[in-house]
Amino acid sequence: MYTVDVLTLFPDSVMATLGESIIKRAANKRLVEVKAHQIRAFTENKQNQVDDYPYGGGRGCVMQAQPLADCLKHAESQRVGKLRKIYLSPAGKPFTEADAKRLSAEYDGLILVCGHYEGVDQRFIDACIDEEISLGDFVLTGGEIAAMAVADAVLRLVPGVLSDSECYEDESHWDGLLEYPQYSRPEEWEGRCVPEVLLRGDHAEVARWRKKQQLLRTRDRRPDMFSALTLSEEEKKLLHEAERDFLRDSLKSSALCRPMREDDIPDVIMIAESAKELLKSSGIDQWQEGYPNEASFRADIERGEAFVLTVSGKVSAFFSLCSGPDAAYADITDGKWSDDLPYLALHRIAVSAEYRGCGLADLIISSAENLAKEKGIKRLRGDTHKKNKAMQRLLARNGFRYRGNVLIRAGEGHDPRRMAYEKRIKD
């Protein structure tokens, strides 16, 4: 049985907390025992005085060594096993989860001394106390709250107090990380939804999401804890994914779609040149003959078919949404279009290197759909190079279906073949 004895001027207050809930159930099972001892019961004067004025002068009073020492001896005499005697003091070492683990694993019980007034006689601390513990860089009116916090943190780690070790191993500070966010029913509350990953039933994905949230929370809220961590390669990868996921979610609310303007062209050209380099490095023979260029964008602007996405006012992606029919789409092979209804063709898509992989390309698709709906058009078409797997994945995950192959105008020595895609826009 793990024991905790609290030396205090307010034993009823201590037991009102430590004699309830989980700790009470553990005590009923004889896994733990908590006692609160009234320090005043061990004074040697009729007034039950436990404090006196400090030597050297100063405000307030100091708790005397004698009643504290006698109370401690009484508590200690009733226990067996290895005990740790602790004084709760703002001058002590800050209490951590590592301390809770140590005190739970290495000792059979604790004796917690609650100070009051201006503190306790240092001679008592020197003679009787094993260590001083603080809850943090602040001062309380007495040590009871700190003692109850330390007792609760230690007792919950005693085997059998909680139903399973997972009850504390997944929580904040156990492995140097803060705990992930928790959600309960209903799925939506005041317009706020439970993250979709928690609703799909994929336990591996849930575990990954939770670890990502732990890493992000610890880095952002407790940089002191995060700097002390040694991340594994998998954790580094998860943190990178978490940063990208966070940026993607924030972009959903901050990215804006608007028509491209003349003064956007320098930024658009920079994004286009970066995209050309990426395609070239990937061995994709697309946009490698000087297209698209300034003339292409100016022509799109004049027709009202050029658009940009901005993030915090900065041009971060562009696309063109062209009115059909597109001559290159007339002769489709190895398949066919679903029908001959009016459509808009999605062309010249690129995202700045800064935001690649953050969901801006998906926002381009949703923006194009919204623009088509405004025109009353229910079809989107597009095409891409057979080696451009990233664009193929983008179209597929956004509901486009592969319809066949088309030929586009391309410079000499460049592959004109393209895979054609189509999407029916739902109301």
Protein backbone atom coordinates (compact mmCIF):
# COMPACT_ATOMS: atom_id res chain seq x y z
CA MET A 1 0.00 0.00 0.00
CA TYR A 2 1.31 3.44 -0.94
CA THR A 3 0.87 6.02 1.84
CA VAL A 4 0.67 9.80 1.92
CA ASP A 5 0.74 11.83 5.13
CA VAL A 6 0.05 15.56 4.95
CA LEU A 7 1.17 17.81 7.79
CA THR A 8 -1.19 20.80 7.76
CA LEU A 9 -3.11 23.41 9.70
CA PHE A 10 -6.23 22.52 7.69
CA PRO A 11 -6.64 18.71 7.63
CA ASP A 12 -10.34 18.86 6.74
CA SER A 13 -9.61 20.79 3.56
CA VAL A 14 -6.96 18.28 2.52
CA MET A 15 -9.18 15.25 3.11
CA ALA A 16 -12.12 16.90 1.37
CA THR A 17 -10.10 16.65 -1.82
CA LEU A 18 -7.89 13.58 -1.38
CA GLY A 19 -10.71 11.60 0.24
CA GLU A 20 -12.91 11.67 -2.85
CA SER A 21 -13.21 10.31 -6.41
CA ILE A 22 -10.44 8.10 -7.83
CA ILE A 23 -8.20 8.36 -4.75
CA LYS A 24 -11.10 7.38 -2.49
CA ARG A 25 -11.83 4.28 -4.61
CA ALA A 26 -8.16 3.32 -4.48
CA ALA A 27 -8.19 3.74 -0.69
CA ASN A 28 -11.26 1.51 -0.43
CA LYS A 29 -9.30 -1.16 -2.32
CA ARG A 30 -6.39 -0.66 0.11
CA LEU A 31 -4.08 0.36 -2.70
CA VAL A 32 -3.31 3.69 -1.06
CA GLU A 33 -3.87 5.44 2.26
CA VAL A 34 -3.97 9.19 2.88
CA LYS A 35 -3.91 10.87 6.29
CA ALA A 36 -3.90 14.54 7.24
CA HIS A 37 -2.23 15.50 10.55
CA GLN A 38 -3.05 18.68 12.47
CA ILE A 39 0.25 20.42 13.27
CA ARG A 40 -1.35 22.36 16.16
CA ALA A 41 -1.90 19.09 18.02
CA PHE A 42 1.87 18.90 18.61
CA THR A 43 2.57 22.31 20.11
CA GLU A 44 4.02 22.65 23.62
CA ASN A 45 2.00 25.67 24.72
CA LYS A 46 -1.58 26.11 25.85
CA GLN A 47 -2.40 28.48 22.99
CA ASN A 48 -1.52 25.82 20.38
CA GLN A 49 0.82 28.37 18.85
CA VAL A 50 2.76 27.13 15.80
CA ASP A 51 4.45 30.37 14.69
CA ASP A 52 6.47 33.30 16.04
CA TYR A 53 8.23 36.46 14.87
CA PRO A 54 11.34 35.98 12.69
CA TYR A 55 14.83 36.68 14.02
CA GLY A 56 16.31 39.69 12.26
CA GLY A 57 12.96 41.40 11.96
CA GLY A 58 10.54 41.59 9.09
CA ARG A 59 6.86 41.30 8.43
CA GLY A 60 4.77 38.27 9.38
CA CYS A 61 5.61 35.16 11.37
CA VAL A 62 7.53 31.95 10.77
CA MET A 63 6.31 28.43 11.59
CA GLN A 64 8.32 26.96 14.46
CA ALA A 65 10.51 23.88 14.17
CA GLN A 66 9.27 22.01 17.26
CA PRO A 67 5.60 21.36 16.39
CA LEU A 68 6.53 20.53 12.80
CA ALA A 69 9.23 18.08 13.86
CA ASP A 70 7.04 16.36 16.44
CA CYS A 71 4.15 16.08 13.99
CA LEU A 72 6.49 14.58 11.40
CA LYS A 73 7.88 12.05 13.90
CA HIS A 74 4.34 10.99 14.78
CA ALA A 75 3.38 10.48 11.13
CA GLU A 76 6.61 8.64 10.41
CA SER A 77 6.15 6.30 13.38
CA GLN A 78 2.88 5.01 11.92
CA ARG A 79 4.41 3.99 8.59
CA VAL A 80 6.75 1.31 7.30
CA GLY A 81 8.90 1.20 4.23
CA LYS A 82 10.91 3.86 2.45
CA LEU A 83 9.43 7.33 2.97
CA ARG A 84 10.24 10.65 1.28
CA LYS A 85 9.81 13.80 3.38
CA ILE A 86 8.94 16.84 1.28
CA TYR A 87 8.35 20.47 2.14
CA LEU A 88 6.10 22.34 -0.33
CA SER A 89 7.85 25.65 -0.90
CA PRO A 90 8.00 28.34 -3.62
CA ALA A 91 11.78 28.10 -3.19
CA GLY A 92 11.77 24.41 -4.11
CA LYS A 93 12.52 22.62 -7.35
CA PRO A 94 9.61 22.84 -9.84
CA PHE A 95 7.54 19.67 -9.76
CA THR A 96 7.37 17.65 -13.00
CA GLU A 97 5.90 14.40 -14.27
CA ALA A 98 9.38 12.90 -13.93
CA ASP A 99 9.24 13.67 -10.21
CA ALA A 100 5.83 12.03 -9.95
CA LYS A 101 7.22 8.90 -11.62
CA ARG A 102 10.28 8.90 -9.32
CA LEU A 103 8.32 9.37 -6.12
CA SER A 104 5.82 6.70 -7.12
CA ALA A 105 8.42 4.12 -8.17
CA GLU A 106 11.21 4.64 -5.62
CA TYR A 107 9.29 5.13 -2.36
CA ASP A 108 6.57 3.45 -0.33
CA GLY A 109 5.09 6.71 0.84
CA LEU A 110 5.35 10.47 1.16
CA ILE A 111 5.22 12.87 4.08
CA LEU A 112 4.20 16.29 2.76
CA VAL A 113 4.70 19.37 4.93
CA CYS A 114 2.49 22.41 4.28
CA GLY A 115 4.00 25.75 5.21
CA HIS A 116 2.16 28.98 6.06
CA TYR A 117 2.82 32.60 6.97
CA GLU A 118 6.36 33.62 5.95
CA GLY A 119 7.54 30.02 5.75
CA VAL A 120 9.06 27.57 8.24
CA ASP A 121 12.14 27.61 10.45
CA GLN A 122 15.11 26.62 8.25
CA ARG A 123 16.46 24.36 11.00
CA PHE A 124 13.44 22.08 10.59
CA ILE A 125 14.06 21.90 6.85
CA ASP A 126 17.76 21.12 7.34
CA ALA A 127 17.12 18.45 9.97
CA CYS A 128 13.98 16.73 8.74
CA ILE A 129 13.27 17.36 5.05
CA ASP A 130 14.61 15.32 2.12
CA GLU A 131 13.65 17.75 -0.65
CA GLU A 132 11.68 20.92 -1.33
CA ILE A 133 9.15 21.04 -4.17
CA SER A 134 7.40 23.97 -5.82
CA LEU A 135 4.40 23.96 -8.16
CA GLY A 136 5.86 26.83 -10.16
CA ASP A 137 7.03 30.41 -10.11
CA PHE A 138 4.26 31.81 -7.95
CA VAL A 139 3.31 31.97 -4.28
CA LEU A 140 0.25 30.49 -2.54
CA THR A 141 -1.18 31.41 0.86
CA GLY A 142 -0.32 27.94 2.13
CA GLY A 143 1.14 24.61 1.07
CA GLU A 144 -2.11 22.61 1.06
CA ILE A 145 -2.97 23.12 -2.61
CA ALA A 146 0.57 22.19 -3.61
CA ALA A 147 0.57 19.13 -1.35
CA MET A 148 -2.74 17.90 -2.76
CA ALA A 149 -1.47 18.41 -6.32
CA VAL A 150 1.74 16.44 -5.65
CA ALA A 151 -0.16 13.68 -3.83
CA ASP A 152 -2.70 13.34 -6.63
CA ALA A 153 -0.01 13.26 -9.34
CA VAL A 154 1.93 10.54 -7.51
CA LEU A 155 -0.99 8.40 -6.33
CA ARG A 156 -2.54 8.14 -9.81
CA LEU A 157 0.65 6.34 -10.93
CA VAL A 158 0.37 3.66 -8.23
CA PRO A 159 -0.52 0.37 -9.98
CA GLY A 160 -4.25 -0.29 -9.84
CA VAL A 161 -5.32 3.28 -9.00
CA LEU A 162 -6.16 3.90 -12.65
CA SER A 163 -7.72 1.11 -14.70
CA ASP A 164 -4.85 0.86 -17.18
CA SER A 165 -1.37 2.33 -17.68
CA GLU A 166 -2.60 3.90 -20.93
CA CYS A 167 -4.70 6.23 -18.76
CA TYR A 168 -1.54 8.16 -17.91
CA GLU A 169 1.00 7.11 -20.57
CA ASP A 170 -0.88 9.00 -23.30
CA GLU A 171 -1.24 12.18 -21.25
CA SER A 172 0.78 15.39 -21.11
CA HIS A 173 4.41 15.19 -19.89
CA TRP A 174 4.63 11.38 -19.65
CA ASP A 175 7.06 11.13 -22.59
CA GLY A 176 8.12 14.77 -22.72
CA LEU A 177 5.19 15.83 -24.91
CA LEU A 178 1.92 17.61 -24.22
CA GLU A 179 -1.28 15.64 -24.72
CA TYR A 180 -3.22 15.74 -28.00
CA PRO A 181 -6.68 17.42 -28.17
CA GLN A 182 -9.67 15.37 -27.02
CA TYR A 183 -13.23 15.37 -28.43
CA SER A 184 -16.57 13.84 -27.42
CA ARG A 185 -20.16 13.84 -28.68
CA PRO A 186 -21.79 15.50 -30.54
CA GLU A 187 -19.82 15.56 -33.81
CA GLU A 188 -20.68 19.24 -34.29
CA TRP A 189 -21.08 21.83 -31.53
CA GLU A 190 -21.81 25.50 -32.24
CA GLY A 191 -20.40 25.15 -35.74
CA ARG A 192 -17.19 23.43 -34.61
CA CYS A 193 -16.67 19.88 -35.89
CA VAL A 194 -14.67 16.93 -34.62
CA PRO A 195 -11.62 16.36 -36.89
CA GLU A 196 -12.63 13.98 -39.65
CA VAL A 197 -9.74 11.58 -39.00
CA LEU A 198 -11.25 10.73 -35.59
CA LEU A 199 -14.52 9.65 -37.20
CA ARG A 200 -13.19 7.21 -39.80
CA GLY A 201 -12.29 4.35 -37.46
CA ASP A 202 -8.74 3.97 -38.79
CA HIS A 203 -6.79 3.43 -35.57
CA ALA A 204 -3.38 3.76 -37.24
CA GLU A 205 -4.34 7.13 -38.74
CA VAL A 206 -5.78 8.28 -35.42
CA ALA A 207 -2.48 7.39 -33.71
CA ARG A 208 -0.52 9.35 -36.34
CA TRP A 209 -2.82 12.35 -35.98
CA ARG A 210 -2.50 12.32 -32.21
CA LYS A 211 1.29 12.16 -32.33
CA LYS A 212 1.34 15.06 -34.80
CA GLN A 213 -0.82 17.12 -32.47
CA GLN A 214 1.45 16.32 -29.52
CA LEU A 215 4.52 17.45 -31.43
CA LEU A 216 2.88 20.66 -32.64
CA ARG A 217 1.42 21.54 -29.24
CA THR A 218 4.69 20.96 -27.43
CA ARG A 219 6.71 22.94 -29.95
CA ASP A 220 4.29 25.89 -29.94
CA ARG A 221 3.24 25.96 -26.26
CA ARG A 222 6.31 24.64 -24.46
CA PRO A 223 9.45 25.38 -26.49
CA ASP A 224 11.50 24.63 -23.37
CA MET A 225 10.20 21.06 -23.34
CA PHE A 226 10.48 20.70 -27.11
CA SER A 227 14.13 21.81 -27.17
CA ALA A 228 14.96 19.01 -24.72
CA LEU A 229 13.51 16.31 -27.00
CA THR A 230 15.52 14.07 -29.32
CA LEU A 231 13.13 13.38 -32.17
CA SER A 232 13.30 10.14 -34.12
CA GLU A 233 13.27 10.28 -37.91
CA GLU A 234 9.64 9.18 -37.85
CA GLU A 235 8.76 11.97 -35.41
CA LYS A 236 10.56 14.51 -37.60
CA LYS A 237 8.53 13.29 -40.55
CA LEU A 238 5.29 13.51 -38.56
CA LEU A 239 6.13 17.04 -37.42
CA HIS A 240 6.73 18.10 -41.02
CA GLU A 241 3.40 16.57 -42.01
CA ALA A 242 1.71 18.30 -39.07
CA GLU A 243 3.12 21.67 -40.10
CA ARG A 244 1.89 21.09 -43.64
CA ASP A 245 -1.54 19.98 -42.41
CA PHE A 246 -1.79 23.07 -40.18
CA LEU A 247 -0.82 25.35 -43.04
CA ARG A 248 -3.31 23.59 -45.34
CA ASP A 249 -6.12 24.10 -42.83
CA SER A 250 -5.22 27.75 -42.29
CA LEU A 251 -5.08 28.34 -46.05
CA LYS A 252 -8.63 27.10 -46.43
CA SER A 253 -9.85 30.16 -44.56
CA SER A 254 -7.22 32.70 -45.59
CA ALA A 255 -6.66 32.04 -49.33
CA LEU A 256 -8.75 34.22 -51.64
CA CYS A 257 -9.53 33.78 -55.33
CA ARG A 258 -9.81 36.86 -57.57
CA PRO A 259 -9.32 37.81 -61.24
CA MET A 260 -5.72 38.23 -62.32
CA ARG A 261 -4.60 41.84 -62.85
CA GLU A 262 -1.85 43.38 -64.96
CA ASP A 263 0.20 44.14 -61.86
CA ASP A 264 0.07 40.43 -60.90
CA ILE A 265 1.98 39.35 -64.00
CA PRO A 266 5.53 39.62 -62.52
CA ASP A 267 4.53 37.38 -59.60
CA VAL A 268 2.69 35.00 -61.92
CA ILE A 269 5.73 34.73 -64.22
CA MET A 270 7.95 33.88 -61.23
CA ILE A 271 5.58 31.10 -60.15
CA ALA A 272 5.36 29.80 -63.74
CA GLU A 273 9.17 29.70 -64.14
CA SER A 274 9.51 27.80 -60.87
CA ALA A 275 6.86 25.32 -62.04
CA LYS A 276 8.69 24.84 -65.35
CA GLU A 277 11.89 23.99 -63.48
CA LEU A 278 10.01 21.49 -61.32
CA LEU A 279 8.49 19.80 -64.38
CA LYS A 280 11.87 19.67 -66.11
CA SER A 281 13.59 18.17 -63.06
CA SER A 282 10.83 15.54 -62.93
CA GLY A 283 11.39 14.57 -66.57
CA ILE A 284 8.00 15.92 -67.68
CA ASP A 285 7.91 17.40 -71.21
CA GLN A 286 5.33 20.06 -70.35
CA TRP A 287 5.69 23.86 -70.36
CA GLN A 288 9.18 23.40 -71.82
CA GLU A 289 8.82 25.46 -75.01
CA GLY A 290 8.46 28.94 -73.53
CA TYR A 291 4.80 28.47 -72.62
CA PRO A 292 3.03 29.88 -70.70
CA ASN A 293 4.52 33.35 -70.98
CA GLU A 294 3.59 36.96 -70.42
CA ALA A 295 1.61 37.07 -73.67
CA SER A 296 -0.40 34.02 -72.59
CA PHE A 297 -1.37 35.64 -69.29
CA ARG A 298 -2.19 38.98 -70.86
CA ALA A 299 -4.49 37.26 -73.34
CA ASP A 300 -6.22 35.38 -70.50
CA ILE A 301 -6.65 38.64 -68.57
CA GLU A 302 -8.21 40.34 -71.59
CA ARG A 303 -10.72 37.51 -71.98
CA GLY A 304 -11.51 37.55 -68.24
CA GLU A 305 -10.28 33.95 -67.92
CA ALA A 306 -7.22 34.41 -65.64
CA PHE A 307 -7.40 34.06 -61.85
CA VAL A 308 -5.03 34.07 -58.89
CA LEU A 309 -5.16 32.78 -55.31
CA THR A 310 -3.69 35.12 -52.73
CA VAL A 311 -2.49 34.34 -49.21
CA SER A 312 -2.22 37.38 -46.94
CA GLY A 313 -2.47 39.50 -50.06
CA LYS A 314 0.42 37.75 -51.83
CA VAL A 315 -0.13 36.00 -55.18
CA SER A 316 0.52 32.34 -54.41
CA ALA A 317 -1.13 30.39 -57.27
CA PHE A 318 -2.80 30.98 -60.63
CA PHE A 319 -5.07 29.26 -63.10
CA SER A 320 -7.05 29.95 -66.25
CA LEU A 321 -10.69 28.99 -66.74
CA CYS A 322 -11.48 29.11 -70.43
CA SER A 323 -14.85 29.04 -72.12
CA GLY A 324 -15.42 26.09 -74.42
CA PRO A 325 -15.41 24.64 -76.89
CA ASP A 326 -11.66 23.97 -76.90
CA ALA A 327 -10.48 22.90 -80.37
CA ALA A 328 -7.96 20.45 -78.88
CA TYR A 329 -10.79 18.60 -77.13
CA ALA A 330 -12.81 17.95 -80.29
CA ASP A 331 -10.81 14.89 -81.34
CA ILE A 332 -10.61 12.68 -78.26
CA THR A 333 -9.27 9.13 -78.67
CA ASP A 334 -9.31 5.99 -76.52
CA GLY A 335 -12.53 7.21 -74.91
CA LYS A 336 -15.12 9.95 -75.12
CA TRP A 337 -16.60 12.88 -73.24
CA SER A 338 -19.69 12.18 -71.19
CA ASP A 339 -21.89 14.58 -73.21
CA ASP A 340 -21.86 17.73 -75.33
CA LEU A 341 -23.08 20.13 -72.66
CA PRO A 342 -21.27 23.48 -72.19
CA TYR A 343 -18.06 23.30 -70.18
CA LEU A 344 -15.16 25.38 -68.92
CA ALA A 345 -11.59 24.20 -69.51
CA LEU A 346 -9.10 24.38 -66.66
CA HIS A 347 -5.66 25.37 -67.96
CA ARG A 348 -2.33 26.84 -66.85
CA ILE A 349 -2.36 25.82 -63.16
CA ALA A 350 0.61 26.44 -60.85
CA VAL A 351 1.28 26.99 -57.16
CA SER A 352 4.25 28.91 -55.74
CA ALA A 353 7.05 26.78 -54.33
CA GLU A 354 6.33 28.22 -50.87
CA TYR A 355 2.89 26.57 -50.75
CA ARG A 356 3.37 23.34 -52.68
CA GLY A 357 1.82 20.41 -50.86
CA CYS A 358 -0.33 22.68 -48.68
CA GLY A 359 -3.66 22.26 -50.44
CA LEU A 360 -3.67 25.37 -52.65
CA ALA A 361 -4.05 23.22 -55.77
CA ASP A 362 -7.24 21.73 -54.30
CA LEU A 363 -8.47 25.26 -53.61
CA ILE A 364 -7.89 26.07 -57.28
CA ILE A 365 -10.25 23.25 -58.22
CA SER A 366 -12.94 24.33 -55.75
CA SER A 367 -12.57 27.95 -56.89
CA ALA A 368 -12.97 26.87 -60.53
CA GLU A 369 -16.11 24.95 -59.61
CA ASN A 370 -17.58 28.00 -57.86
CA LEU A 371 -16.82 30.19 -60.86
CA ALA A 372 -18.46 27.64 -63.18
CA LYS A 373 -21.56 27.54 -60.97
CA GLU A 374 -21.81 31.32 -61.14
CA LYS A 375 -21.96 31.00 -64.93
CA GLY A 376 -24.51 28.19 -64.71
CA ILE A 377 -22.10 25.66 -66.22
CA LYS A 378 -22.05 22.10 -64.88
CA ARG A 379 -18.92 20.70 -66.54
CA LEU A 380 -15.19 21.20 -66.06
CA ARG A 381 -12.56 19.72 -68.38
CA GLY A 382 -8.82 19.64 -68.24
CA ASP A 383 -5.78 17.79 -69.52
CA THR A 384 -2.30 16.93 -68.35
CA HIS A 385 0.88 15.20 -69.45
CA LYS A 386 0.95 11.41 -69.02
CA LYS A 387 4.02 11.76 -66.76
CA ASN A 388 2.50 14.49 -64.61
CA LYS A 389 1.36 12.18 -61.82
CA ALA A 390 0.85 15.03 -59.35
CA MET A 391 -1.73 16.69 -61.60
CA GLN A 392 -3.40 13.36 -62.28
CA ARG A 393 -3.74 12.74 -58.53
CA LEU A 394 -5.07 16.26 -58.00
CA LEU A 395 -7.78 15.81 -60.62
CA ALA A 396 -8.70 12.32 -59.44
CA ARG A 397 -9.09 13.23 -55.77
CA ASN A 398 -11.25 16.19 -56.75
CA GLY A 399 -13.74 14.07 -58.63
CA PHE A 400 -12.43 14.32 -62.22
CA ARG A 401 -12.67 11.20 -64.37
CA TYR A 402 -10.21 10.19 -67.06
CA ARG A 403 -12.01 10.30 -70.42
CA GLY A 404 -9.35 9.58 -73.05
CA ASN A 405 -6.48 11.27 -74.86
CA VAL A 406 -6.19 14.51 -76.83
CA LEU A 407 -3.46 16.27 -78.80
CA ILE A 408 -2.46 19.86 -78.11
CA ARG A 409 -0.35 22.28 -80.09
CA ALA A 410 3.26 21.84 -79.01
CA GLY A 411 6.58 23.08 -80.30
CA GLU A 412 8.79 20.92 -82.45
CA GLY A 413 10.35 18.09 -80.48
CA HIS A 414 7.78 18.28 -77.65
CA ASP A 415 5.21 15.61 -76.86
CA PRO A 416 1.69 16.86 -77.79
CA ARG A 417 -0.18 13.96 -76.14
CA ARG A 418 -2.31 14.71 -73.10
CA MET A 419 -4.64 12.77 -70.81
CA ALA A 420 -8.12 14.33 -70.78
CA TYR A 421 -10.29 14.63 -67.65
CA GLU A 422 -13.84 15.77 -66.95
CA LYS A 423 -15.98 16.52 -63.90
CA ARG A 424 -19.70 16.98 -63.51
CA ILE A 425 -20.36 19.73 -61.00
CA LYS A 426 -23.05 18.93 -58.48
CA ASP A 427 -25.59 21.53 -57.42
